[in-house]
Amino acid sequence: MSDAELLQRYAQDGTNDAFASLIGRHLNLVYSVARRHVHSAALAEDVAQSVFTELACSARHIKPGTPLVAWLHVVSRRKAINAARGEARRAEREHEAAELESMKSDPAKWSAVEPLLDEAVQSLDAPDRTAILLRYFQNKSLREVGAALGTSDDAAQKRVSRAVEQLRDFFLRRGVTVTAAGLATDLSAHAIEAAPAGLGAAIAASPLPTATAAAVAPSLTNTITVTLMQKITATGALVLLVGAGIYQANAAYRERADTQRLLQHSNTLAAEARSLHAERDQAASRLAAVEKQIDGRLAKPTAPASGTDAAMEAQAMTWLTNLNRMKALLTERPSLGIPELQLLRDQDWFGVVAEGVKLDTDADIRRAFQYLRTAAVGLAVPKIRAALNGYVKAHDGALPDEPRQLLPHFDPPVDAAILDRYQMLQTGKVSAISDRISDSGLMREKATADVEYDAFWTFGMGGFNRLAAMTHNVSEGQKAFAKANGGQQATTAEQLTAYLPWPVERHALEAHLKRQLAPAGGAR
């Protein structure tokens, strides 16, 4: 099939195989265009995903005869350029936010926390202590923390947050007032400092054998071990201590020259340590400050320095305005929303507004929220499928009778209202159901928020299918009409309306029937 035929097939009935074929044909092109602009494999992957998401949303609106390869090249280049500009602006804002946060830091607060930190960490239960050490003392991501603890990213986040609260309570009992957010920021910035450059090599190269060295080595080893597990606040003292240990060990072998050389470098090492400490503070400030400062800085931008900056600033303000408008509309018109929207992250909301949605007309608003609901259901379905697989495994291959029975199998838990939007298509033993049905035909949505715009999802233990809700609605209505009218097909909205599973506006139904019946009419 040609690109145009595959795209038309996907646009008409939401066939995933057709869309997968388009991805397979053009993924290399899209990725290569993105890679040339963003110079980052990970960001190029994000751009490629965004391009094919736009293709899925625009499938019905691409003009017939438009070469798909040309369309993809234009969209890929546009999105890649926007991504590259966004990364540059984000880096600049993070740098500015880090500087602002650094100016607002309170050294006195950390100086009160520091002497009690290791005692506080030691007071935690073993799993919480491990989580804190991995997260803040080794700079591990939440995914890495979760992997080390044998839990999910979300579970790791909860454990780290709970452990930070426990540390905060410990400090409060000792008369040190600190917020949980402030404590997390201070831990990121100050819990660990880099050891002086060359220290490890100097220790490794130092001979410490025989009786004289044996008396020195345990003390030296213990000192270094303890020191490396906490903030290195006295770099000069550490260098002197190591120098003293090395001096005593080498004295037995008359190698005083090495010790003298190490002592001569103490000032240089201390300066390097201070430099590394400053870099550490800057990196930690970026992580901690960007989430607090970015919204405020977007809301109150400084005057742009050039035409390019002005255009980018205007674009950012447009996105922010549309984002706030969409959230206000959701409050004014609850029918636009679905429970799955609570799964969306801030970047998911921005991802929708950054696609250039308009909110000028009712049709614009409905289209914008269709994008948002699609993203939300796209996050919910994999979670439900995972819970479904967990339920079947725990119940000897049996399916649940209704979706709420899946609730104990979500990690983290989900709102029961999400499951109330779905229904079981099959029950009983999975082994009694065909592989095709068990893969993608076990559950489906009961209804959609907007029949004219939304897709209709069905899924199972291994996959899912999406069909245009209007197409499904009319198909089911035609079946009911034919059953009641001797196999005839409805040709007008008046005939079909009473047989539709879901109500739909008359003009939309008429337009759909006109498109559906056009080929037959042309043939006659």
Protein backbone atom coordinates (compact mmCIF):
# COMPACT_ATOMS: atom_id res chain seq x y z
CA MET A 1 0.00 0.00 0.00
CA SER A 2 1.15 3.55 -0.71
CA ASP A 3 1.73 6.13 2.02
CA ALA A 4 -1.52 7.85 1.07
CA GLU A 5 -3.49 4.59 1.29
CA LEU A 6 -2.00 3.68 4.68
CA LEU A 7 -2.68 7.18 6.01
CA GLN A 8 -6.26 7.12 4.75
CA ARG A 9 -6.83 3.71 6.27
CA TYR A 10 -5.55 4.91 9.63
CA ALA A 11 -7.59 8.12 9.45
CA GLN A 12 -10.80 6.23 8.67
CA ASP A 13 -10.68 3.33 11.12
CA GLY A 14 -7.67 3.92 13.38
CA THR A 15 -5.85 0.77 12.20
CA ASN A 16 -2.64 0.52 14.20
CA ASP A 17 -0.99 -1.77 11.65
CA ALA A 18 -1.28 0.94 9.01
CA PHE A 19 0.26 3.56 11.24
CA ALA A 20 3.02 1.17 12.33
CA SER A 21 3.88 0.64 8.66
CA LEU A 22 4.19 4.42 8.16
CA ILE A 23 6.49 4.65 11.17
CA GLY A 24 8.64 1.82 9.86
CA ARG A 25 8.99 3.51 6.47
CA HIS A 26 9.84 7.01 7.64
CA LEU A 27 11.36 6.76 11.13
CA ASN A 28 14.95 6.97 9.88
CA LEU A 29 14.17 10.14 7.92
CA VAL A 30 12.45 11.85 10.86
CA TYR A 31 15.16 10.84 13.34
CA SER A 32 17.99 11.95 11.02
CA VAL A 33 16.46 15.38 10.45
CA ALA A 34 15.98 15.84 14.19
CA ARG A 35 19.50 14.60 14.98
CA ARG A 36 21.11 17.16 12.70
CA HIS A 37 19.43 20.00 14.56
CA VAL A 38 19.42 18.95 18.21
CA HIS A 39 22.76 17.08 18.41
CA SER A 40 21.34 14.83 21.12
CA ALA A 41 20.14 11.28 20.55
CA ALA A 42 17.67 11.41 23.43
CA LEU A 43 16.18 14.72 22.31
CA ALA A 44 16.05 13.49 18.71
CA GLU A 45 14.00 10.52 19.91
CA ASP A 46 11.59 12.90 21.65
CA VAL A 47 11.29 14.96 18.47
CA ALA A 48 10.60 11.84 16.40
CA GLN A 49 7.88 10.75 18.82
CA SER A 50 6.34 14.24 18.68
CA VAL A 51 6.35 14.21 14.86
CA PHE A 52 4.51 10.90 14.62
CA THR A 53 2.08 12.02 17.33
CA GLU A 54 1.25 15.06 15.19
CA LEU A 55 0.90 12.78 12.17
CA ALA A 56 -1.63 10.64 14.06
CA CYS A 57 -3.61 13.71 15.12
CA SER A 58 -3.46 15.29 11.65
CA ALA A 59 -4.10 12.16 9.58
CA ARG A 60 -7.62 13.23 8.61
CA HIS A 61 -6.55 16.77 7.75
CA ILE A 62 -3.58 16.19 5.44
CA LYS A 63 -4.66 17.14 1.94
CA PRO A 64 -4.90 14.27 -0.56
CA GLY A 65 -1.94 14.26 -2.89
CA THR A 66 0.46 15.73 -0.34
CA PRO A 67 3.66 13.62 -0.41
CA LEU A 68 3.98 12.26 3.09
CA VAL A 69 7.77 12.34 2.98
CA ALA A 70 7.66 16.10 2.29
CA TRP A 71 5.15 16.67 5.09
CA LEU A 72 7.28 14.69 7.54
CA HIS A 73 10.45 16.55 6.54
CA VAL A 74 8.83 19.95 7.12
CA VAL A 75 7.30 18.95 10.47
CA SER A 76 10.50 17.21 11.63
CA ARG A 77 12.60 20.26 10.86
CA ARG A 78 10.14 22.60 12.56
CA LYS A 79 9.93 20.53 15.70
CA ALA A 80 13.69 19.93 15.82
CA ILE A 81 14.42 23.67 15.51
CA ASN A 82 11.84 24.42 18.22
CA ALA A 83 13.36 21.73 20.45
CA ALA A 84 16.87 23.10 19.96
CA ARG A 85 15.72 26.63 20.73
CA GLY A 86 13.77 25.39 23.72
CA GLU A 87 16.83 23.61 25.08
CA ALA A 88 18.93 26.73 24.68
CA ARG A 89 16.35 28.89 26.42
CA ARG A 90 15.86 26.31 29.16
CA ALA A 91 19.60 26.16 29.83
CA GLU A 92 19.75 29.95 30.03
CA ARG A 93 16.78 30.12 32.39
CA GLU A 94 18.23 27.38 34.57
CA HIS A 95 21.53 29.24 34.77
CA GLU A 96 19.78 32.45 35.77
CA ALA A 97 17.60 30.61 38.27
CA ALA A 98 20.66 28.92 39.76
CA GLU A 99 22.35 32.27 40.21
CA LEU A 100 19.23 33.70 41.81
CA GLU A 101 18.90 30.75 44.15
CA SER A 102 22.58 30.94 45.03
CA MET A 103 22.17 34.58 46.05
CA LYS A 104 19.25 33.62 48.28
CA SER A 105 21.01 30.69 49.98
CA ASP A 106 21.47 30.81 53.75
CA PRO A 107 24.83 29.35 54.81
CA ALA A 108 23.83 29.63 58.47
CA LYS A 109 20.98 27.18 57.98
CA TRP A 110 23.26 24.50 56.57
CA SER A 111 25.86 25.13 59.26
CA ALA A 112 23.19 24.17 61.83
CA VAL A 113 22.21 21.05 59.93
CA GLU A 114 25.70 19.84 59.05
CA PRO A 115 26.96 18.68 62.49
CA LEU A 116 23.84 16.55 63.00
CA LEU A 117 23.46 15.19 59.46
CA ASP A 118 25.16 11.84 59.77
CA GLU A 119 23.53 11.11 63.12
CA ALA A 120 20.16 11.95 61.56
CA VAL A 121 20.79 9.67 58.58
CA GLN A 122 21.90 6.86 60.89
CA SER A 123 18.61 7.16 62.81
CA LEU A 124 16.57 6.16 59.74
CA ASP A 125 15.39 2.64 59.05
CA ALA A 126 17.69 0.71 56.70
CA PRO A 127 15.57 1.09 53.51
CA ASP A 128 14.98 4.82 54.11
CA ARG A 129 18.65 5.36 54.95
CA THR A 130 19.70 3.58 51.76
CA ALA A 131 17.27 5.68 49.72
CA ILE A 132 18.66 8.94 51.15
CA LEU A 133 22.27 7.87 50.65
CA LEU A 134 21.67 6.82 47.05
CA ARG A 135 19.62 9.90 46.18
CA TYR A 136 21.63 12.68 47.82
CA PHE A 137 25.03 11.18 48.71
CA GLN A 138 25.56 9.41 45.38
CA ASN A 139 23.36 11.57 43.12
CA LYS A 140 21.36 8.61 41.84
CA SER A 141 18.16 9.21 39.87
CA LEU A 142 14.84 8.02 41.25
CA ARG A 143 14.88 5.23 38.68
CA GLU A 144 18.27 4.06 39.94
CA VAL A 145 17.11 4.34 43.56
CA GLY A 146 14.03 2.29 42.74
CA ALA A 147 16.12 -0.35 40.96
CA ALA A 148 18.49 -0.62 43.93
CA LEU A 149 15.56 -1.02 46.33
CA GLY A 150 13.58 -3.31 44.03
CA THR A 151 10.68 -0.85 43.64
CA SER A 152 9.22 1.46 40.99
CA ASP A 153 10.25 5.08 40.35
CA ASP A 154 7.11 6.36 42.09
CA ALA A 155 7.66 4.13 45.12
CA ALA A 156 11.26 5.35 45.34
CA GLN A 157 10.03 8.97 45.20
CA LYS A 158 7.63 8.32 48.07
CA ARG A 159 10.30 6.62 50.15
CA VAL A 160 12.78 9.46 49.61
CA SER A 161 10.15 12.08 50.45
CA ARG A 162 9.16 10.18 53.59
CA ALA A 163 12.81 9.86 54.64
CA VAL A 164 13.38 13.60 54.15
CA GLU A 165 10.36 14.29 56.40
CA GLN A 166 11.85 11.99 59.05
CA LEU A 167 15.17 13.84 58.84
CA ARG A 168 13.31 17.13 59.20
CA ASP A 169 11.57 15.84 62.33
CA PHE A 170 14.95 14.77 63.73
CA PHE A 171 16.37 18.28 63.24
CA LEU A 172 13.26 19.90 64.73
CA ARG A 173 13.71 17.80 67.87
CA ARG A 174 17.28 19.13 68.07
CA GLY A 175 16.11 22.72 67.76
CA VAL A 176 16.99 23.21 64.08
CA THR A 177 14.08 24.53 62.02
CA VAL A 178 14.18 23.56 58.35
CA THR A 179 11.56 22.83 55.69
CA ALA A 180 11.46 19.54 53.84
CA ALA A 181 12.03 21.30 50.52
CA GLY A 182 14.90 23.32 51.94
CA LEU A 183 16.46 20.24 53.47
CA ALA A 184 16.28 18.35 50.17
CA THR A 185 17.91 21.30 48.40
CA ASP A 186 20.68 21.52 51.01
CA LEU A 187 21.34 17.80 50.79
CA SER A 188 21.66 18.05 47.01
CA ALA A 189 24.02 20.99 47.31
CA HIS A 190 26.15 20.14 50.33
CA ALA A 191 25.90 16.48 51.39
CA ILE A 192 28.94 15.47 49.35
CA GLU A 193 32.01 17.35 48.18
CA ALA A 194 34.62 16.05 45.80
CA ALA A 195 37.86 14.95 47.43
CA PRO A 196 40.96 16.93 46.42
CA ALA A 197 42.37 16.00 43.03
CA GLY A 198 45.17 13.47 43.30
CA LEU A 199 44.30 12.38 46.84
CA GLY A 200 43.20 8.91 45.82
CA ALA A 201 46.31 8.35 43.75
CA ALA A 202 48.52 9.57 46.59
CA ILE A 203 46.87 7.18 49.04
CA ALA A 204 47.08 4.26 46.64
CA ALA A 205 50.74 4.92 45.90
CA SER A 206 51.76 5.17 49.55
CA PRO A 207 53.52 2.06 50.98
CA LEU A 208 51.98 1.07 54.31
CA PRO A 209 53.43 -2.39 55.21
CA THR A 210 55.09 -3.89 58.34
CA ALA A 211 54.51 -3.08 61.98
CA THR A 212 55.04 0.66 61.82
CA ALA A 213 52.60 1.08 58.96
CA ALA A 214 50.10 -1.34 60.48
CA ALA A 215 49.63 0.96 63.42
CA VAL A 216 48.95 3.88 61.11
CA ALA A 217 46.86 2.23 58.40
CA PRO A 218 43.68 1.39 60.40
CA SER A 219 43.46 4.90 61.79
CA LEU A 220 44.08 6.41 58.38
CA THR A 221 41.57 4.11 56.67
CA ASN A 222 38.85 4.76 59.24
CA THR A 223 39.38 8.50 59.03
CA ILE A 224 39.12 8.53 55.25
CA THR A 225 36.08 6.23 55.21
CA VAL A 226 34.12 8.33 57.67
CA THR A 227 35.17 11.57 56.02
CA LEU A 228 34.11 10.49 52.54
CA MET A 229 30.62 9.60 53.84
CA GLN A 230 29.92 13.14 54.99
CA LYS A 231 30.57 16.69 53.85
CA ILE A 232 34.29 17.45 53.58
CA THR A 233 34.25 20.78 55.39
CA ALA A 234 37.93 21.00 56.35
CA THR A 235 39.83 20.08 53.21
CA GLY A 236 43.07 21.45 54.59
CA ALA A 237 42.74 19.36 57.76
CA LEU A 238 42.10 16.23 55.69
CA VAL A 239 45.17 16.88 53.57
CA LEU A 240 47.29 17.38 56.71
CA LEU A 241 45.89 14.20 58.28
CA VAL A 242 46.62 12.14 55.17
CA GLY A 243 50.01 13.78 54.91
CA ALA A 244 50.76 12.89 58.53
CA GLY A 245 49.74 9.26 57.98
CA ILE A 246 51.85 8.99 54.87
CA TYR A 247 54.77 10.64 56.66
CA GLN A 248 54.69 8.14 59.50
CA ALA A 249 54.42 5.19 57.11
CA ASN A 250 57.18 6.41 54.87
CA ALA A 251 59.45 7.29 57.75
CA ALA A 252 60.08 3.58 58.29
CA TYR A 253 61.30 3.39 54.70
CA ARG A 254 63.06 6.76 54.68
CA GLU A 255 60.81 8.18 51.94
CA ARG A 256 60.26 11.60 53.44
CA ALA A 257 60.34 13.23 50.00
CA ASP A 258 56.89 11.94 49.02
CA THR A 259 55.33 13.27 52.20
CA GLN A 260 56.96 16.67 51.78
CA ARG A 261 55.72 16.83 48.21
CA LEU A 262 52.15 16.06 49.35
CA LEU A 263 52.29 18.77 52.01
CA GLN A 264 53.59 21.29 49.50
CA HIS A 265 50.52 20.64 47.34
CA SER A 266 48.01 21.13 50.17
CA ASN A 267 47.11 24.68 49.17
CA THR A 268 46.60 23.66 45.56
CA LEU A 269 44.39 20.75 46.60
CA ALA A 270 42.34 22.97 48.86
CA ALA A 271 41.78 25.46 46.03
CA GLU A 272 40.73 22.65 43.70
CA ALA A 273 38.34 21.33 46.33
CA ARG A 274 36.76 24.76 46.69
CA SER A 275 36.35 24.96 42.92
CA LEU A 276 34.71 21.55 42.80
CA HIS A 277 32.46 22.56 45.69
CA ALA A 278 31.33 25.62 43.74
CA GLU A 279 30.58 23.50 40.67
CA ARG A 280 28.64 21.08 42.87
CA ASP A 281 26.57 23.93 44.31
CA GLN A 282 25.79 25.25 40.84
CA ALA A 283 24.65 21.86 39.54
CA ALA A 284 22.51 21.21 42.60
CA SER A 285 20.99 24.67 42.38
CA ARG A 286 19.94 23.96 38.80
CA LEU A 287 18.09 20.86 39.86
CA ALA A 288 16.44 22.41 42.89
CA ALA A 289 15.74 25.90 41.58
CA VAL A 290 14.43 25.33 38.07
CA GLU A 291 11.09 23.90 39.20
CA LYS A 292 10.55 26.79 41.65
CA GLN A 293 11.73 29.60 39.41
CA ILE A 294 10.78 28.69 35.84
CA ASP A 295 7.06 29.49 36.08
CA GLY A 296 7.71 32.81 37.77
CA ARG A 297 10.33 33.79 35.27
CA LEU A 298 8.05 32.90 32.36
CA ALA A 299 5.18 34.82 33.92
CA LYS A 300 7.37 37.91 34.39
CA PRO A 301 9.95 37.78 31.61
CA THR A 302 12.69 40.34 31.31
CA ALA A 303 12.85 42.52 28.23
CA PRO A 304 14.28 40.56 25.29
CA ALA A 305 17.60 41.64 23.87
CA SER A 306 16.91 40.87 20.22
CA GLY A 307 14.19 40.16 17.68
CA THR A 308 14.79 36.41 17.98
CA ASP A 309 14.56 36.58 21.76
CA ALA A 310 11.39 38.66 21.48
CA ALA A 311 9.76 36.08 19.21
CA MET A 312 10.72 33.23 21.52
CA GLU A 313 9.54 35.15 24.56
CA ALA A 314 6.23 35.89 22.82
CA GLN A 315 5.87 32.20 21.93
CA ALA A 316 6.50 31.20 25.53
CA MET A 317 3.92 33.71 26.74
CA THR A 318 1.41 32.37 24.20
CA TRP A 319 1.95 28.83 25.48
CA LEU A 320 1.59 29.95 29.08
CA THR A 321 -1.58 31.89 28.27
CA ASN A 322 -3.10 28.90 26.47
CA LEU A 323 -2.11 26.59 29.32
CA ASN A 324 -3.82 28.79 31.90
CA ARG A 325 -6.82 29.18 29.60
CA MET A 326 -7.17 25.40 29.19
CA LYS A 327 -7.04 24.86 32.94
CA ALA A 328 -9.67 27.58 33.43
CA LEU A 329 -11.87 26.00 30.74
CA LEU A 330 -11.61 22.65 32.49
CA THR A 331 -13.03 24.26 35.63
CA GLU A 332 -15.76 26.06 33.70
CA ARG A 333 -16.69 23.06 31.55
CA PRO A 334 -16.07 19.81 33.46
CA SER A 335 -17.47 17.82 30.53
CA LEU A 336 -14.19 18.51 28.71
CA GLY A 337 -12.28 16.45 31.23
CA ILE A 338 -11.91 12.80 32.17
CA PRO A 339 -10.46 11.31 35.40
CA GLU A 340 -7.32 10.22 33.53
CA LEU A 341 -6.24 13.88 33.27
CA GLN A 342 -4.90 13.60 36.82
CA LEU A 343 -2.15 11.35 35.42
CA LEU A 344 -0.77 14.14 33.23
CA ARG A 345 2.45 15.84 34.22
CA ASP A 346 3.26 19.50 33.60
CA GLN A 347 5.29 18.57 30.53
CA ASP A 348 2.25 16.74 29.10
CA TRP A 349 0.15 19.92 29.37
CA PHE A 350 2.94 21.97 27.82
CA GLY A 351 3.33 19.35 25.11
CA VAL A 352 -0.24 20.00 24.02
CA VAL A 353 -0.09 23.80 24.06
CA ALA A 354 3.31 23.73 22.33
CA GLU A 355 1.66 22.01 19.37
CA GLY A 356 0.14 25.38 18.54
CA VAL A 357 -3.43 24.71 19.63
CA LYS A 358 -5.94 27.54 19.28
CA LEU A 359 -8.74 28.33 21.69
CA ASP A 360 -10.64 30.91 19.64
CA THR A 361 -13.71 28.84 18.74
CA ASP A 362 -15.63 25.99 20.30
CA ALA A 363 -14.18 23.64 17.69
CA ASP A 364 -10.66 24.81 18.61
CA ILE A 365 -11.34 24.11 22.27
CA ARG A 366 -12.76 20.68 21.59
CA ARG A 367 -9.77 19.79 19.42
CA ALA A 368 -7.29 20.99 22.05
CA PHE A 369 -8.92 18.90 24.77
CA GLN A 370 -9.06 15.92 22.42
CA TYR A 371 -5.25 16.08 22.27
CA LEU A 372 -5.12 16.35 26.06
CA ARG A 373 -7.50 13.43 26.66
CA THR A 374 -5.61 11.27 24.16
CA ALA A 375 -2.38 11.89 26.05
CA ALA A 376 -4.09 11.07 29.37
CA VAL A 377 -5.68 7.83 28.16
CA GLY A 378 -2.34 6.94 26.57
CA LEU A 379 -0.84 7.06 30.07
CA ALA A 380 -3.74 5.22 31.72
CA VAL A 381 -4.08 2.24 29.37
CA PRO A 382 -0.56 0.81 29.99
CA LYS A 383 -1.16 1.06 33.76
CA ILE A 384 -4.50 -0.74 33.44
CA ARG A 385 -2.96 -3.42 31.24
CA ALA A 386 -0.19 -3.98 33.79
CA ALA A 387 -2.78 -4.30 36.58
CA LEU A 388 -4.82 -6.68 34.41
CA ASN A 389 -1.79 -8.91 33.88
CA GLY A 390 -1.09 -8.82 37.62
CA TYR A 391 -4.67 -9.79 38.43
CA VAL A 392 -4.68 -12.72 35.99
CA LYS A 393 -1.38 -13.97 37.37
CA ALA A 394 -2.65 -13.74 40.95
CA HIS A 395 -5.98 -15.47 40.16
CA ASP A 396 -4.86 -18.57 38.30
CA GLY A 397 -5.53 -17.20 34.83
CA ALA A 398 -8.99 -15.78 35.59
CA LEU A 399 -10.16 -12.35 34.43
CA PRO A 400 -11.91 -9.90 36.77
CA ASP A 401 -15.69 -9.51 36.61
CA GLU A 402 -15.46 -5.71 36.69
CA PRO A 403 -12.57 -3.20 36.42
CA ARG A 404 -12.54 -2.08 40.07
CA GLN A 405 -11.21 -5.50 41.03
CA LEU A 406 -7.92 -4.38 39.48
CA LEU A 407 -7.37 -1.63 42.09
CA PRO A 408 -5.06 -3.68 44.40
CA HIS A 409 -2.76 -4.39 41.47
CA PHE A 410 -1.76 -0.77 40.71
CA ASP A 411 1.60 0.52 41.93
CA PRO A 412 1.27 3.36 42.67
CA PRO A 413 -2.50 3.34 43.37
CA VAL A 414 -4.90 5.07 40.98
CA ASP A 415 -8.23 6.80 41.45
CA ALA A 416 -11.13 4.34 41.15
CA ALA A 417 -12.93 6.90 38.97
CA ILE A 418 -10.45 6.11 36.20
CA LEU A 419 -11.47 2.45 36.16
CA ASP A 420 -15.15 3.41 36.20
CA ARG A 421 -14.72 4.69 32.63
CA TYR A 422 -13.96 1.18 31.37
CA GLN A 423 -15.81 -2.11 31.13
CA MET A 424 -14.89 -5.76 30.74
CA LEU A 425 -15.61 -7.30 27.35
CA GLN A 426 -14.61 -10.79 28.51
CA THR A 427 -14.63 -12.67 31.81
CA GLY A 428 -13.68 -16.18 32.87
CA LYS A 429 -10.40 -17.92 32.08
CA VAL A 430 -7.96 -16.33 29.66
CA SER A 431 -7.16 -19.79 28.29
CA ALA A 432 -10.72 -20.05 26.99
CA ILE A 433 -10.38 -16.86 24.91
CA SER A 434 -8.67 -16.58 21.55
CA ASP A 435 -5.19 -15.05 21.47
CA ARG A 436 -6.41 -12.16 19.30
CA ILE A 437 -9.10 -11.18 21.79
CA SER A 438 -6.91 -11.65 24.86
CA ASP A 439 -4.26 -9.45 23.28
CA SER A 440 -6.37 -6.36 22.63
CA GLY A 441 -10.07 -7.12 23.16
CA LEU A 442 -10.60 -7.69 26.89
CA MET A 443 -11.55 -4.16 28.01
CA ARG A 444 -12.80 -0.93 26.45
CA GLU A 445 -13.99 2.55 27.27
CA LYS A 446 -17.68 2.80 28.14
CA ALA A 447 -17.93 6.13 26.35
CA THR A 448 -15.86 9.07 25.18
CA ALA A 449 -16.03 12.68 26.29
CA ASP A 450 -16.46 13.96 22.73
CA VAL A 451 -17.75 11.45 20.18
CA GLU A 452 -16.98 13.71 17.24
CA TYR A 453 -13.30 14.22 18.09
CA ASP A 454 -12.09 11.44 20.40
CA ALA A 455 -10.69 8.00 19.67
CA PHE A 456 -12.29 4.89 21.19
CA TRP A 457 -9.87 2.55 22.98
CA THR A 458 -10.04 -1.23 23.38
CA PHE A 459 -7.17 -3.20 24.88
CA GLY A 460 -6.10 -6.45 26.46
CA MET A 461 -3.09 -8.04 28.08
CA GLY A 462 -0.69 -7.44 25.23
CA GLY A 463 -1.88 -4.56 23.08
CA PHE A 464 -4.56 -2.04 22.23
CA ASN A 465 -6.61 -0.66 19.34
CA ARG A 466 -7.88 2.84 18.71
CA LEU A 467 -10.85 3.61 16.50
CA ALA A 468 -12.40 6.98 15.76
CA ALA A 469 -15.30 7.23 18.22
CA MET A 470 -17.65 8.60 15.56
CA THR A 471 -16.84 5.68 13.25
CA HIS A 472 -17.56 3.17 16.01
CA ASN A 473 -20.72 5.01 17.04
CA VAL A 474 -22.17 5.05 13.51
CA SER A 475 -21.13 1.44 12.85
CA GLU A 476 -22.94 0.22 15.96
CA GLY A 477 -25.95 2.38 15.09
CA GLN A 478 -26.11 0.94 11.57
CA LYS A 479 -26.03 -2.59 12.97
CA ALA A 480 -28.96 -1.82 15.28
CA PHE A 481 -30.87 -0.06 12.48
CA ALA A 482 -30.34 -2.98 10.07
CA LYS A 483 -31.52 -5.47 12.71
CA ALA A 484 -34.72 -3.49 13.22
CA ASN A 485 -35.33 -2.75 9.53
CA GLY A 486 -34.76 -5.98 7.67
CA GLY A 487 -31.09 -5.46 6.94
CA GLN A 488 -31.44 -2.00 5.39
CA GLN A 489 -28.87 0.73 5.91
CA ALA A 490 -29.75 4.14 7.33
CA THR A 491 -29.01 6.99 4.93
CA THR A 492 -30.11 10.02 6.96
CA ALA A 493 -29.39 11.36 10.41
CA GLU A 494 -33.08 11.18 11.27
CA GLN A 495 -33.15 7.45 10.62
CA LEU A 496 -29.99 6.68 12.56
CA THR A 497 -30.11 8.96 15.62
CA ALA A 498 -32.34 6.72 17.74
CA TYR A 499 -30.04 3.73 17.20
CA LEU A 500 -26.72 5.33 18.15
CA PRO A 501 -25.01 4.11 21.36
CA TRP A 502 -23.85 7.65 22.11
CA PRO A 503 -25.68 10.88 21.25
CA VAL A 504 -23.99 13.18 18.76
CA GLU A 505 -24.75 16.56 17.24
CA ARG A 506 -26.93 16.35 14.14
CA HIS A 507 -24.62 18.31 11.84
CA ALA A 508 -21.67 16.10 12.78
CA LEU A 509 -23.68 12.94 12.10
CA GLU A 510 -24.87 14.26 8.76
CA ALA A 511 -21.32 15.13 7.72
CA HIS A 512 -20.10 11.67 8.69
CA LEU A 513 -22.88 9.91 6.80
CA LYS A 514 -22.19 12.07 3.75
CA ARG A 515 -18.55 11.01 3.75
CA GLN A 516 -19.47 7.38 4.44
CA LEU A 517 -22.08 7.13 1.68
CA ALA A 518 -20.24 9.22 -0.92
CA PRO A 519 -18.48 6.29 -2.67
CA ALA A 520 -21.76 4.35 -3.01
CA GLY A 521 -23.54 7.46 -4.28
CA GLY A 522 -20.80 8.11 -6.81
CA ALA A 523 -21.02 4.53 -8.08
CA ARG A 524 -24.75 4.87 -8.72
